[in-house]
Amino acid sequence: MSRIRDLLRRKPKRTAFVLSGGGNLGALQVGMVRALFERRIEPDLILGCSVGALNGSAIASDPSLVMVGRLQEMWRGLADEGVMPAGVFPAVQLARKGVAIHDNANLRRVIQSVLPGGRFEDLTVPFQCVATALVEGTETWFEHGPLVDPIIASSAIPAVYPPVEIDGVKYLDGAIVNDVPVSRAVALGCDRIFVLHVGAWDRPRPEPKRPIDMATYAYWLARRSRFQRDLASIPSNIEVLVLPPGSTPLIKYNDFGHSDEMITSAYQATSAFLDAADADHANDLAAAVPGVRQEDRPRAAATVDEPRP
């Protein structure tokens, strides 16, 4: 029996969906979730970072294909919602006074449109999201209390959105410290982890031509490096599947006009991956994240203290 078939048939202790950051590429996660739900793969825990916090909290509120449909409609309409500043990063905007070039009012409205419940405790599936404490530079997890502000904080891309203050502490994008929080899933006792990562290692990146391009590229490298290290440290007895995003277009960070295309691409790629029961999936992890091989991971889970939120 292939590893993928065995994985989908056995009964794990706890299944986690881990949704990464990725801005407008977050539409890919909608297609991935549809493929999972159609195969009756359901989470016991959902962890989200940045745009993954938005998508993840919606799924946690209603883990069904109905919510997947609502999310698809939301992504279709984002081009008209003004959630990102128009145009490219103009030098005049970056040079002006202030900590951000855009406010988060429209982002807040979009989040509230798909989250009728106002608190973490209202969600059907346990959900947590990560943000970065601005002064301390630390990873902070939210799992109790009001829901919307932590999601906005988790999504507060540096220089694009302003920091979000919660209980006297200012927070920025969780992707700064933990873009793909697989380590959190392990620490919370999950033994089957589906990673809804919108980045692809073989996806071409344009050559940096301006200082802002180089800064963005360095930010991407740092996030990728953390993800690789975390994956390599997960014990081999814990199943980790990094779902394929399919073909993703090279688009500007504020271009939301390709959501349907990306949802379809991720759905088809993830469906094919999950249905390939007779294929040899021994090297799935290494194929998704080069340099991380199953045989190099630790053999047994170490005792890990549950992290504090």
Protein backbone atom coordinates (compact mmCIF):
# COMPACT_ATOMS: atom_id res chain seq x y z
CA MET A 1 0.00 0.00 0.00
CA SER A 2 1.41 3.42 -0.88
CA ARG A 3 2.21 5.91 1.86
CA ILE A 4 -0.45 8.34 0.69
CA ARG A 5 -3.20 5.68 0.77
CA ASP A 6 -2.09 4.45 4.19
CA LEU A 7 -2.01 8.02 5.48
CA LEU A 8 -5.54 8.78 4.35
CA ARG A 9 -7.00 5.53 5.73
CA ARG A 10 -5.43 5.42 9.16
CA LYS A 11 -6.89 7.31 12.11
CA PRO A 12 -4.40 9.86 13.38
CA LYS A 13 -4.49 11.21 16.90
CA ARG A 14 -4.85 14.78 15.67
CA THR A 15 -4.93 16.39 12.23
CA ALA A 16 -3.84 19.98 11.63
CA PHE A 17 -4.30 22.29 8.67
CA VAL A 18 -1.44 24.80 8.58
CA LEU A 19 -2.12 27.81 6.33
CA SER A 20 0.83 29.99 5.40
CA GLY A 21 1.07 33.67 4.62
CA GLY A 22 1.30 34.85 1.03
CA GLY A 23 -0.87 37.89 0.38
CA ASN A 24 -2.91 37.67 -2.82
CA LEU A 25 -1.65 34.10 -3.40
CA GLY A 26 -3.93 33.11 -0.52
CA ALA A 27 -6.59 32.27 -3.11
CA LEU A 28 -4.64 29.04 -3.69
CA GLN A 29 -5.60 27.84 -0.22
CA VAL A 30 -9.29 27.90 -1.14
CA GLY A 31 -8.69 25.33 -3.88
CA MET A 32 -6.60 23.18 -1.54
CA VAL A 33 -9.28 23.16 1.15
CA ARG A 34 -11.96 22.21 -1.38
CA ALA A 35 -9.89 19.20 -2.45
CA LEU A 36 -9.39 18.14 1.18
CA PHE A 37 -13.05 18.50 2.16
CA GLU A 38 -14.27 16.62 -0.91
CA ARG A 39 -12.20 13.68 0.33
CA ARG A 40 -13.59 14.05 3.84
CA ILE A 41 -10.24 15.08 5.28
CA GLU A 42 -11.14 17.34 8.19
CA PRO A 43 -8.99 19.19 10.73
CA ASP A 44 -8.91 18.92 14.49
CA LEU A 45 -6.88 22.13 14.62
CA ILE A 46 -6.29 25.02 12.20
CA LEU A 47 -3.24 27.28 12.41
CA GLY A 48 -2.94 30.39 10.26
CA CYS A 49 -0.45 33.12 9.47
CA SER A 50 -1.25 36.38 7.67
CA VAL A 51 -3.65 35.62 4.79
CA GLY A 52 -3.72 32.07 6.11
CA ALA A 53 -5.22 33.48 9.30
CA LEU A 54 -8.06 34.99 7.29
CA ASN A 55 -8.76 31.82 5.31
CA GLY A 56 -8.14 29.56 8.28
CA SER A 57 -10.47 31.38 10.65
CA ALA A 58 -13.27 31.26 8.08
CA ILE A 59 -12.83 27.50 7.66
CA ALA A 60 -12.66 27.08 11.44
CA SER A 61 -16.00 28.88 11.78
CA ASP A 62 -17.69 26.55 9.28
CA PRO A 63 -15.56 23.59 8.10
CA SER A 64 -17.69 22.80 5.06
CA LEU A 65 -17.86 23.15 1.30
CA VAL A 66 -20.44 25.88 1.85
CA MET A 67 -17.76 28.05 3.48
CA VAL A 68 -15.32 27.14 0.73
CA GLY A 69 -17.86 28.56 -1.72
CA ARG A 70 -18.21 31.72 0.35
CA LEU A 71 -14.44 32.15 0.42
CA GLN A 72 -14.26 31.73 -3.34
CA GLU A 73 -16.84 34.48 -3.76
CA MET A 74 -14.91 36.68 -1.35
CA TRP A 75 -11.67 36.22 -3.30
CA ARG A 76 -13.45 36.93 -6.58
CA GLY A 77 -14.53 40.29 -5.23
CA LEU A 78 -11.29 41.42 -3.57
CA ALA A 79 -10.13 43.29 -6.66
CA ASP A 80 -12.92 45.80 -5.99
CA GLU A 81 -12.50 46.01 -2.22
CA GLY A 82 -9.40 48.19 -2.04
CA VAL A 83 -7.65 46.00 0.52
CA MET A 84 -4.21 46.87 -0.94
CA PRO A 85 -2.83 50.23 -2.11
CA ALA A 86 -3.33 50.89 -5.80
CA GLY A 87 -0.39 50.88 -8.21
CA VAL A 88 3.15 49.72 -7.49
CA PHE A 89 5.30 50.78 -4.54
CA PRO A 90 5.90 54.38 -5.63
CA ALA A 91 8.96 56.03 -4.11
CA VAL A 92 6.90 58.97 -2.94
CA GLN A 93 4.69 56.69 -0.83
CA LEU A 94 7.61 54.88 0.74
CA ALA A 95 9.40 58.15 1.51
CA ARG A 96 6.48 59.92 3.14
CA LYS A 97 6.07 60.14 6.89
CA GLY A 98 4.20 57.43 8.74
CA VAL A 99 4.66 53.69 9.25
CA ALA A 100 2.42 52.42 6.43
CA ILE A 101 1.17 53.39 2.98
CA HIS A 102 -2.34 51.99 3.48
CA ASP A 103 -4.89 51.63 6.26
CA ASN A 104 -6.61 48.37 7.20
CA ALA A 105 -10.25 49.56 7.17
CA ASN A 106 -11.16 47.66 4.00
CA LEU A 107 -9.32 44.55 5.17
CA ARG A 108 -11.30 44.67 8.41
CA ARG A 109 -14.57 44.90 6.49
CA VAL A 110 -13.67 41.87 4.36
CA ILE A 111 -12.75 39.78 7.40
CA GLN A 112 -15.97 40.69 9.17
CA SER A 113 -17.98 39.73 6.07
CA VAL A 114 -16.91 36.08 6.34
CA LEU A 115 -16.72 35.83 10.12
CA PRO A 116 -20.14 36.31 11.70
CA GLY A 117 -18.81 35.16 15.09
CA GLY A 118 -16.69 37.59 17.05
CA ARG A 119 -14.54 35.36 19.28
CA PHE A 120 -12.15 32.42 19.00
CA GLU A 121 -14.46 30.54 21.33
CA ASP A 122 -17.29 30.82 18.74
CA LEU A 123 -15.41 28.75 16.15
CA THR A 124 -16.36 25.17 15.33
CA VAL A 125 -12.74 23.98 15.01
CA PRO A 126 -9.99 25.21 17.36
CA PHE A 127 -8.03 27.92 15.60
CA GLN A 128 -4.91 29.92 16.38
CA CYS A 129 -3.09 32.66 14.48
CA VAL A 130 0.36 34.14 14.87
CA ALA A 131 1.54 37.75 14.88
CA THR A 132 4.85 39.48 15.64
CA ALA A 133 5.17 41.69 18.71
CA LEU A 134 6.66 44.87 17.27
CA VAL A 135 8.92 45.95 20.13
CA GLU A 136 10.00 42.54 21.42
CA GLY A 137 10.19 40.93 17.98
CA THR A 138 8.63 37.79 19.40
CA GLU A 139 6.21 35.21 18.01
CA THR A 140 2.79 35.64 19.64
CA TRP A 141 -0.12 33.23 19.31
CA PHE A 142 -3.77 34.16 19.69
CA GLU A 143 -6.41 31.56 20.56
CA HIS A 144 -8.83 33.27 22.98
CA GLY A 145 -11.01 36.36 23.00
CA PRO A 146 -11.97 38.74 20.16
CA LEU A 147 -11.10 37.34 16.75
CA VAL A 148 -10.87 40.13 14.17
CA ASP A 149 -8.01 42.24 15.58
CA PRO A 150 -5.59 39.28 15.89
CA ILE A 151 -6.31 38.31 12.26
CA ILE A 152 -5.62 41.88 11.12
CA ALA A 153 -2.46 41.92 13.24
CA SER A 154 -1.32 38.62 11.72
CA SER A 155 -1.88 40.15 8.25
CA ALA A 156 -0.23 43.53 8.88
CA ILE A 157 2.43 43.44 6.14
CA PRO A 158 5.30 45.78 7.14
CA ALA A 159 5.13 49.20 5.44
CA VAL A 160 1.82 48.30 3.76
CA TYR A 161 -0.46 48.12 6.81
CA PRO A 162 0.01 49.83 10.18
CA PRO A 163 0.74 47.83 13.34
CA VAL A 164 -2.32 46.65 15.27
CA GLU A 165 -2.49 47.33 19.00
CA ILE A 166 -4.01 44.62 21.21
CA ASP A 167 -3.99 44.98 25.00
CA GLY A 168 -1.35 47.70 24.81
CA VAL A 169 1.03 45.73 22.56
CA LYS A 170 1.62 46.54 18.88
CA TYR A 171 1.79 43.68 16.38
CA LEU A 172 2.83 43.15 12.76
CA ASP A 173 2.57 40.33 10.20
CA GLY A 174 3.14 36.87 11.69
CA ALA A 175 5.15 35.93 8.59
CA ILE A 176 8.06 37.96 9.96
CA VAL A 177 8.72 35.25 12.56
CA ASN A 178 6.78 32.14 11.45
CA ASP A 179 5.29 32.17 7.98
CA VAL A 180 4.41 28.44 7.86
CA PRO A 181 3.83 27.41 11.49
CA VAL A 182 4.33 23.65 11.26
CA SER A 183 6.35 23.66 14.49
CA ARG A 184 3.30 24.91 16.38
CA ALA A 185 1.24 21.98 15.10
CA VAL A 186 3.88 19.54 16.35
CA ALA A 187 4.08 21.25 19.74
CA LEU A 188 0.31 20.98 20.11
CA GLY A 189 0.36 17.21 19.61
CA CYS A 190 -0.70 16.82 15.96
CA ASP A 191 0.58 13.72 14.17
CA ARG A 192 -0.84 14.44 10.71
CA ILE A 193 -0.17 17.88 9.22
CA PHE A 194 -1.48 19.20 5.90
CA VAL A 195 0.53 22.27 4.91
CA LEU A 196 -1.36 24.76 2.74
CA HIS A 197 1.72 26.69 1.64
CA VAL A 198 1.17 29.07 -1.26
CA GLY A 199 4.84 29.35 -2.21
CA ALA A 200 6.50 26.95 -4.62
CA TRP A 201 10.25 26.41 -4.66
CA ASP A 202 10.30 25.99 -8.44
CA ARG A 203 8.23 29.13 -9.00
CA PRO A 204 10.44 31.63 -10.85
CA ARG A 205 11.11 34.91 -9.07
CA PRO A 206 11.93 38.04 -11.05
CA GLU A 207 15.49 39.29 -10.76
CA PRO A 208 15.70 42.22 -8.29
CA LYS A 209 16.16 45.50 -10.15
CA ARG A 210 15.43 48.06 -7.43
CA PRO A 211 16.23 48.39 -3.72
CA ILE A 212 12.62 47.51 -2.83
CA ASP A 213 12.88 44.36 -5.00
CA MET A 214 16.00 43.25 -3.14
CA ALA A 215 14.41 43.94 0.25
CA THR A 216 11.35 41.89 -0.74
CA TYR A 217 13.54 39.05 -2.00
CA ALA A 218 15.54 38.98 1.25
CA TYR A 219 12.28 38.84 3.24
CA TRP A 220 11.16 35.86 1.13
CA LEU A 221 14.49 34.08 1.67
CA ALA A 222 14.26 34.47 5.45
CA ARG A 223 10.73 33.05 5.53
CA ARG A 224 11.70 30.11 3.31
CA SER A 225 14.73 29.31 5.46
CA ARG A 226 12.62 29.13 8.64
CA PHE A 227 10.16 26.77 6.98
CA GLN A 228 12.93 24.45 5.76
CA ARG A 229 14.52 24.28 9.21
CA ASP A 230 11.20 23.57 10.91
CA LEU A 231 10.31 20.79 8.47
CA ALA A 232 13.70 19.15 8.85
CA SER A 233 13.29 19.07 12.65
CA ILE A 234 9.86 17.37 12.69
CA PRO A 235 10.13 13.73 13.84
CA SER A 236 9.68 11.21 11.03
CA ASN A 237 6.77 9.50 12.80
CA ILE A 238 4.68 12.63 12.22
CA GLU A 239 3.08 12.72 8.77
CA VAL A 240 3.60 15.99 6.91
CA LEU A 241 2.09 16.66 3.49
CA VAL A 242 2.90 19.93 1.73
CA LEU A 243 0.05 20.38 -0.72
CA PRO A 244 0.95 21.51 -4.25
CA PRO A 245 -0.30 24.95 -5.37
CA GLY A 246 -0.22 24.10 -9.06
CA SER A 247 0.77 26.75 -11.57
CA THR A 248 0.76 30.23 -10.07
CA PRO A 249 0.98 33.40 -12.12
CA LEU A 250 3.74 35.97 -11.63
CA ILE A 251 1.66 38.91 -10.42
CA LYS A 252 2.16 42.09 -8.43
CA TYR A 253 1.48 41.92 -4.72
CA ASN A 254 -1.72 43.97 -5.07
CA ASP A 255 -3.18 42.19 -8.12
CA PHE A 256 -6.33 40.30 -7.12
CA GLY A 257 -7.58 39.66 -10.63
CA HIS A 258 -6.35 36.04 -10.87
CA SER A 259 -8.12 34.47 -7.89
CA ASP A 260 -10.38 32.11 -9.85
CA GLU A 261 -7.43 30.91 -11.91
CA MET A 262 -5.37 30.20 -8.78
CA ILE A 263 -8.22 28.46 -6.94
CA THR A 264 -8.74 26.13 -9.91
CA SER A 265 -5.01 25.46 -10.26
CA ALA A 266 -4.55 24.56 -6.59
CA TYR A 267 -7.70 22.45 -6.54
CA GLN A 268 -6.61 20.39 -9.54
CA ALA A 269 -3.03 19.95 -8.30
CA THR A 270 -4.08 19.01 -4.75
CA SER A 271 -6.80 16.65 -6.00
CA ALA A 272 -4.34 14.85 -8.25
CA PHE A 273 -1.84 14.60 -5.39
CA LEU A 274 -4.37 13.16 -2.93
CA ASP A 275 -5.82 10.76 -5.49
CA ALA A 276 -2.47 9.36 -6.63
CA ALA A 277 -2.91 6.31 -4.38
CA ASP A 278 -0.72 4.06 -6.49
CA ALA A 279 2.13 6.51 -6.97
CA ASP A 280 5.42 6.39 -5.09
CA HIS A 281 5.14 9.23 -2.58
CA ALA A 282 8.28 8.39 -0.63
CA ASN A 283 9.91 11.65 -1.67
CA ASP A 284 6.89 13.97 -1.50
CA LEU A 285 8.41 16.20 1.14
CA ALA A 286 11.72 16.58 -0.64
CA ALA A 287 9.92 17.35 -3.90
CA ALA A 288 7.82 20.07 -2.26
CA VAL A 289 10.66 21.53 -0.20
CA PRO A 290 14.08 20.71 -1.66
CA GLY A 291 16.65 19.75 0.93
CA VAL A 292 14.19 18.22 3.39
CA ARG A 293 14.25 14.43 3.11
CA GLN A 294 12.16 11.97 5.10
CA GLU A 295 15.21 9.90 6.07
CA ASP A 296 17.04 12.91 7.51
CA ARG A 297 14.28 13.85 9.95
CA PRO A 298 14.60 12.83 13.63
CA ARG A 299 13.37 9.29 14.31
CA ALA A 300 11.14 9.91 17.30
CA ALA A 301 9.21 12.79 18.76
CA ALA A 302 10.93 14.53 21.64
CA THR A 303 9.00 15.78 24.62
CA VAL A 304 7.95 19.33 23.89
CA ASP A 305 6.38 21.68 26.38
CA GLU A 306 3.18 23.22 25.05
CA PRO A 307 3.99 26.79 23.97
CA ARG A 308 2.37 29.67 25.65
CA PRO A 309 -0.01 31.79 23.58
